[in-house]
Amino acid sequence: MSAQPQADISWATAQGPPGVPALRILPIPRTDPPPCQAPAQQPDEDYVQGTLAVDFRREHDDTYFGPQATGFPDLPEPEQWARRMIQVTLEVVDGLRHPDQLTRWFTPDIHQRLARRGQLARRRHQRQRHATGVRALLLCCPADGVAEVSAVITHHGRVRTLALRLAGVDGRWLITAFEIG
């Protein structure tokens, strides 16, 4: 006798206990509404689908969507702003201030350099507070919305020089060059 599996459908047609009718399997009735038949319409002869005019030339992207140059009348006074920013930057370099506070004011490459220096200072535990400040500051404005700053600073008890270039971008100063000598 071979033991082949056979489909067992005997339960569907078998008689139940006496007095109970046989079990019947019925298909599920469809309850979905019939598809909507919209009346056929003639296309409007006057309608023309427009296209979006997109100009992929690079100069337009920068002109309208890139950083916008800002002139002196719309920017803070550069000498006072540079003094404050030099002080804050030296605190970042010493590891006393978090570098993310400067993200808006520096280009990404300069910000990363300062963040690395601050991280190294924190690792070395060089958090001693030395007298830090700006001793002298010289400001030059070679073009509208551009300022170049040379400063003599006191940092870690030493007298050092510092140079930065400020560019007016989107209504604020952005430091695009930063060097400590």
C-alpha atoms as a PDB file:
ATOM      1  CA  MET A   1       0.000   0.000   0.000  1.00  0.00           C
ATOM      2  CA  SER A   2       1.614   3.253  -1.092  1.00  0.00           C
ATOM      3  CA  ALA A   3       1.265   6.246   1.138  1.00  0.00           C
ATOM      4  CA  GLN A   4       0.553   8.978  -1.389  1.00  0.00           C
ATOM      5  CA  PRO A   5      -0.891  12.178  -0.105  1.00  0.00           C
ATOM      6  CA  GLN A   6      -4.367  12.671  -1.424  1.00  0.00           C
ATOM      7  CA  ALA A   7      -6.387  15.795  -1.294  1.00  0.00           C
ATOM      8  CA  ASP A   8      -8.763  15.408   1.581  1.00  0.00           C
ATOM      9  CA  ILE A   9     -11.993  17.002   0.535  1.00  0.00           C
ATOM     10  CA  SER A  10     -14.127  14.521   2.337  1.00  0.00           C
ATOM     11  CA  TRP A  11     -14.826  17.022   5.092  1.00  0.00           C
ATOM     12  CA  ALA A  12     -16.668  19.282   2.651  1.00  0.00           C
ATOM     13  CA  THR A  13     -19.065  16.668   1.434  1.00  0.00           C
ATOM     14  CA  ALA A  14     -19.288  14.418   4.466  1.00  0.00           C
ATOM     15  CA  GLN A  15     -22.375  14.172   6.450  1.00  0.00           C
ATOM     16  CA  GLY A  16     -22.145  15.630   9.912  1.00  0.00           C
ATOM     17  CA  PRO A  17     -23.861  14.255  12.973  1.00  0.00           C
ATOM     18  CA  PRO A  18     -27.415  13.126  12.439  1.00  0.00           C
ATOM     19  CA  GLY A  19     -29.772  16.061  12.031  1.00  0.00           C
ATOM     20  CA  VAL A  20     -27.042  18.487  10.926  1.00  0.00           C
ATOM     21  CA  PRO A  21     -26.971  19.348   7.230  1.00  0.00           C
ATOM     22  CA  ALA A  22     -23.847  18.746   5.169  1.00  0.00           C
ATOM     23  CA  LEU A  23     -21.217  21.460   5.007  1.00  0.00           C
ATOM     24  CA  ARG A  24     -21.138  23.338   1.705  1.00  0.00           C
ATOM     25  CA  ILE A  25     -18.357  25.556   0.375  1.00  0.00           C
ATOM     26  CA  LEU A  26     -19.555  28.611  -1.527  1.00  0.00           C
ATOM     27  CA  PRO A  27     -17.518  31.283  -3.289  1.00  0.00           C
ATOM     28  CA  ILE A  28     -17.292  34.696  -1.624  1.00  0.00           C
ATOM     29  CA  PRO A  29     -19.681  37.064  -3.364  1.00  0.00           C
ATOM     30  CA  ARG A  30     -18.135  40.145  -5.031  1.00  0.00           C
ATOM     31  CA  THR A  31     -19.071  43.310  -3.191  1.00  0.00           C
ATOM     32  CA  ASP A  32     -16.933  45.772  -5.185  1.00  0.00           C
ATOM     33  CA  PRO A  33     -18.949  48.434  -6.960  1.00  0.00           C
ATOM     34  CA  PRO A  34     -18.828  48.275 -10.736  1.00  0.00           C
ATOM     35  CA  PRO A  35     -16.270  50.550 -12.394  1.00  0.00           C
ATOM     36  CA  CYS A  36     -17.468  54.027 -13.089  1.00  0.00           C
ATOM     37  CA  GLN A  37     -18.163  54.662 -16.730  1.00  0.00           C
ATOM     38  CA  ALA A  38     -17.428  58.316 -17.414  1.00  0.00           C
ATOM     39  CA  PRO A  39     -18.976  59.732 -20.523  1.00  0.00           C
ATOM     40  CA  ALA A  40     -16.476  60.087 -23.326  1.00  0.00           C
ATOM     41  CA  GLN A  41     -15.374  63.693 -23.715  1.00  0.00           C
ATOM     42  CA  GLN A  42     -13.885  65.362 -26.688  1.00  0.00           C
ATOM     43  CA  PRO A  43     -10.488  66.946 -25.928  1.00  0.00           C
ATOM     44  CA  ASP A  44     -10.503  70.714 -25.746  1.00  0.00           C
ATOM     45  CA  GLU A  45      -8.811  71.972 -28.876  1.00  0.00           C
ATOM     46  CA  ASP A  46      -7.681  75.199 -27.163  1.00  0.00           C
ATOM     47  CA  TYR A  47      -5.868  73.457 -24.299  1.00  0.00           C
ATOM     48  CA  VAL A  48      -2.114  73.055 -24.581  1.00  0.00           C
ATOM     49  CA  GLN A  49      -0.163  71.586 -21.683  1.00  0.00           C
ATOM     50  CA  GLY A  50       2.627  73.938 -20.731  1.00  0.00           C
ATOM     51  CA  THR A  51       6.161  73.004 -19.804  1.00  0.00           C
ATOM     52  CA  LEU A  52       8.210  74.284 -16.938  1.00  0.00           C
ATOM     53  CA  ALA A  53      10.938  76.573 -18.190  1.00  0.00           C
ATOM     54  CA  VAL A  54      14.107  75.473 -16.427  1.00  0.00           C
ATOM     55  CA  ASP A  55      17.452  76.954 -17.317  1.00  0.00           C
ATOM     56  CA  PHE A  56      20.300  74.680 -16.261  1.00  0.00           C
ATOM     57  CA  ARG A  57      23.094  77.157 -16.888  1.00  0.00           C
ATOM     58  CA  ARG A  58      25.370  77.372 -13.866  1.00  0.00           C
ATOM     59  CA  GLU A  59      25.495  81.158 -13.565  1.00  0.00           C
ATOM     60  CA  HIS A  60      21.761  81.363 -12.867  1.00  0.00           C
ATOM     61  CA  ASP A  61      21.949  78.886  -9.986  1.00  0.00           C
ATOM     62  CA  ASP A  62      24.553  80.998  -8.220  1.00  0.00           C
ATOM     63  CA  THR A  63      22.814  84.233  -9.070  1.00  0.00           C
ATOM     64  CA  TYR A  64      19.473  83.330  -7.561  1.00  0.00           C
ATOM     65  CA  PHE A  65      20.037  80.457  -5.189  1.00  0.00           C
ATOM     66  CA  GLY A  66      23.671  80.578  -4.103  1.00  0.00           C
ATOM     67  CA  PRO A  67      25.252  82.777  -1.475  1.00  0.00           C
ATOM     68  CA  GLN A  68      24.485  86.445  -2.107  1.00  0.00           C
ATOM     69  CA  ALA A  69      27.206  89.060  -1.744  1.00  0.00           C
ATOM     70  CA  THR A  70      26.361  91.810   0.731  1.00  0.00           C
ATOM     71  CA  GLY A  71      27.706  95.365   0.783  1.00  0.00           C
ATOM     72  CA  PHE A  72      28.888  97.412   3.766  1.00  0.00           C
ATOM     73  CA  PRO A  73      25.557  99.179   4.465  1.00  0.00           C
ATOM     74  CA  ASP A  74      23.894  95.824   5.273  1.00  0.00           C
ATOM     75  CA  LEU A  75      26.716  94.421   7.427  1.00  0.00           C
ATOM     76  CA  PRO A  76      27.803  95.017  11.033  1.00  0.00           C
ATOM     77  CA  GLU A  77      30.699  97.376  11.663  1.00  0.00           C
ATOM     78  CA  PRO A  78      33.750  95.227  10.733  1.00  0.00           C
ATOM     79  CA  GLU A  79      36.285  96.379  13.346  1.00  0.00           C
ATOM     80  CA  GLN A  80      34.142  95.661  16.418  1.00  0.00           C
ATOM     81  CA  TRP A  81      32.825  92.446  14.886  1.00  0.00           C
ATOM     82  CA  ALA A  82      36.372  91.246  14.087  1.00  0.00           C
ATOM     83  CA  ARG A  83      37.562  91.980  17.657  1.00  0.00           C
ATOM     84  CA  ARG A  84      34.761  89.895  19.147  1.00  0.00           C
ATOM     85  CA  MET A  85      35.236  87.091  16.620  1.00  0.00           C
ATOM     86  CA  ILE A  86      38.996  86.911  17.251  1.00  0.00           C
ATOM     87  CA  GLN A  87      38.349  86.561  20.990  1.00  0.00           C
ATOM     88  CA  VAL A  88      35.747  83.818  20.445  1.00  0.00           C
ATOM     89  CA  THR A  89      37.998  82.005  17.957  1.00  0.00           C
ATOM     90  CA  LEU A  90      40.892  81.959  20.405  1.00  0.00           C
ATOM     91  CA  GLU A  91      38.574  80.410  22.995  1.00  0.00           C
ATOM     92  CA  VAL A  92      37.707  77.669  20.484  1.00  0.00           C
ATOM     93  CA  VAL A  93      41.398  77.075  19.732  1.00  0.00           C
ATOM     94  CA  ASP A  94      42.078  76.775  23.479  1.00  0.00           C
ATOM     95  CA  GLY A  95      39.251  74.251  23.884  1.00  0.00           C
ATOM     96  CA  LEU A  96      37.190  76.566  26.102  1.00  0.00           C
ATOM     97  CA  ARG A  97      34.314  77.006  23.651  1.00  0.00           C
ATOM     98  CA  HIS A  98      32.580  74.469  21.416  1.00  0.00           C
ATOM     99  CA  PRO A  99      33.513  74.931  17.729  1.00  0.00           C
ATOM    100  CA  ASP A 100      29.916  74.507  16.518  1.00  0.00           C
ATOM    101  CA  GLN A 101      29.250  78.010  17.779  1.00  0.00           C
ATOM    102  CA  LEU A 102      31.388  79.278  14.890  1.00  0.00           C
ATOM    103  CA  THR A 103      29.840  77.242  12.076  1.00  0.00           C
ATOM    104  CA  ARG A 104      27.880  80.145  10.676  1.00  0.00           C
ATOM    105  CA  TRP A 105      30.822  82.547  10.618  1.00  0.00           C
ATOM    106  CA  PHE A 106      33.569  80.430   8.992  1.00  0.00           C
ATOM    107  CA  THR A 107      33.977  78.524   5.753  1.00  0.00           C
ATOM    108  CA  PRO A 108      33.865  74.748   6.328  1.00  0.00           C
ATOM    109  CA  ASP A 109      37.598  74.137   5.844  1.00  0.00           C
ATOM    110  CA  ILE A 110      38.612  76.833   8.343  1.00  0.00           C
ATOM    111  CA  HIS A 111      35.962  75.652  10.796  1.00  0.00           C
ATOM    112  CA  GLN A 112      37.357  72.104  10.659  1.00  0.00           C
ATOM    113  CA  ARG A 113      40.901  73.350  11.280  1.00  0.00           C
ATOM    114  CA  LEU A 114      39.794  75.336  14.328  1.00  0.00           C
ATOM    115  CA  ALA A 115      37.708  72.430  15.636  1.00  0.00           C
ATOM    116  CA  ARG A 116      40.726  70.099  15.344  1.00  0.00           C
ATOM    117  CA  ARG A 117      42.943  72.544  17.238  1.00  0.00           C
ATOM    118  CA  GLY A 118      40.344  72.909  19.982  1.00  0.00           C
ATOM    119  CA  GLN A 119      39.966  69.145  20.231  1.00  0.00           C
ATOM    120  CA  LEU A 120      43.728  68.709  20.589  1.00  0.00           C
ATOM    121  CA  ALA A 121      43.819  71.388  23.292  1.00  0.00           C
ATOM    122  CA  ARG A 122      41.051  69.600  25.217  1.00  0.00           C
ATOM    123  CA  ARG A 123      42.915  66.281  24.938  1.00  0.00           C
ATOM    124  CA  ARG A 124      46.086  67.872  26.269  1.00  0.00           C
ATOM    125  CA  HIS A 125      44.100  69.463  29.088  1.00  0.00           C
ATOM    126  CA  GLN A 126      45.394  72.861  28.100  1.00  0.00           C
ATOM    127  CA  ARG A 127      42.402  74.590  29.548  1.00  0.00           C
ATOM    128  CA  GLN A 128      44.388  76.954  31.703  1.00  0.00           C
ATOM    129  CA  ARG A 129      43.007  80.411  31.251  1.00  0.00           C
ATOM    130  CA  HIS A 130      45.757  82.701  30.011  1.00  0.00           C
ATOM    131  CA  ALA A 131      45.289  86.343  29.251  1.00  0.00           C
ATOM    132  CA  THR A 132      44.017  86.346  25.681  1.00  0.00           C
ATOM    133  CA  GLY A 133      43.077  89.439  23.803  1.00  0.00           C
ATOM    134  CA  VAL A 134      43.542  91.762  20.882  1.00  0.00           C
ATOM    135  CA  ARG A 135      46.335  94.309  21.410  1.00  0.00           C
ATOM    136  CA  ALA A 136      46.094  96.081  18.037  1.00  0.00           C
ATOM    137  CA  LEU A 137      43.918  95.726  14.985  1.00  0.00           C
ATOM    138  CA  LEU A 138      44.354  97.086  11.467  1.00  0.00           C
ATOM    139  CA  LEU A 139      41.447  97.010   9.048  1.00  0.00           C
ATOM    140  CA  CYS A 140      41.617  97.357   5.270  1.00  0.00           C
ATOM    141  CA  CYS A 141      38.607  97.360   2.924  1.00  0.00           C
ATOM    142  CA  PRO A 142      39.769  96.468  -0.621  1.00  0.00           C
ATOM    143  CA  ALA A 143      36.234  96.170  -2.060  1.00  0.00           C
ATOM    144  CA  ASP A 144      32.609  96.675  -1.077  1.00  0.00           C
ATOM    145  CA  GLY A 145      31.630  93.900   1.320  1.00  0.00           C
ATOM    146  CA  VAL A 146      35.215  92.702   1.855  1.00  0.00           C
ATOM    147  CA  ALA A 147      37.427  93.493   4.852  1.00  0.00           C
ATOM    148  CA  GLU A 148      40.927  92.283   5.641  1.00  0.00           C
ATOM    149  CA  VAL A 149      42.051  92.327   9.251  1.00  0.00           C
ATOM    150  CA  SER A 150      45.567  92.140  10.688  1.00  0.00           C
ATOM    151  CA  ALA A 151      45.786  91.862  14.449  1.00  0.00           C
ATOM    152  CA  VAL A 152      48.385  91.599  17.165  1.00  0.00           C
ATOM    153  CA  ILE A 153      47.084  89.289  19.881  1.00  0.00           C
ATOM    154  CA  THR A 154      48.176  87.924  23.224  1.00  0.00           C
ATOM    155  CA  HIS A 155      47.719  84.155  23.354  1.00  0.00           C
ATOM    156  CA  HIS A 156      49.136  81.769  25.992  1.00  0.00           C
ATOM    157  CA  GLY A 157      51.295  84.569  27.332  1.00  0.00           C
ATOM    158  CA  ARG A 158      52.900  85.181  23.936  1.00  0.00           C
ATOM    159  CA  VAL A 159      52.427  88.010  21.474  1.00  0.00           C
ATOM    160  CA  ARG A 160      51.344  86.659  18.095  1.00  0.00           C
ATOM    161  CA  THR A 161      49.895  87.915  14.835  1.00  0.00           C
ATOM    162  CA  LEU A 162      46.624  86.987  13.261  1.00  0.00           C
ATOM    163  CA  ALA A 163      45.155  87.696   9.825  1.00  0.00           C
ATOM    164  CA  LEU A 164      41.652  87.169   8.543  1.00  0.00           C
ATOM    165  CA  ARG A 165      39.564  88.049   5.551  1.00  0.00           C
ATOM    166  CA  LEU A 166      35.898  88.870   5.959  1.00  0.00           C
ATOM    167  CA  ALA A 167      33.418  88.651   3.104  1.00  0.00           C
ATOM    168  CA  GLY A 168      29.865  89.921   3.286  1.00  0.00           C
ATOM    169  CA  VAL A 169      27.591  86.986   2.455  1.00  0.00           C
ATOM    170  CA  ASP A 170      23.828  86.780   2.962  1.00  0.00           C
ATOM    171  CA  GLY A 171      23.725  89.783   5.296  1.00  0.00           C
ATOM    172  CA  ARG A 172      26.520  88.608   7.617  1.00  0.00           C
ATOM    173  CA  TRP A 173      30.291  88.461   7.735  1.00  0.00           C
ATOM    174  CA  LEU A 174      31.886  85.174   6.672  1.00  0.00           C
ATOM    175  CA  ILE A 175      35.544  84.517   7.506  1.00  0.00           C
ATOM    176  CA  THR A 176      37.122  83.097   4.353  1.00  0.00           C
ATOM    177  CA  ALA A 177      40.787  83.175   5.421  1.00  0.00           C
ATOM    178  CA  PHE A 178      42.277  82.756   8.901  1.00  0.00           C
ATOM    179  CA  GLU A 179      45.939  82.492   9.896  1.00  0.00           C
ATOM    180  CA  ILE A 180      47.659  82.673  13.281  1.00  0.00           C
ATOM    181  CA  GLY A 181      51.386  83.464  13.138  1.00  0.00           C
END
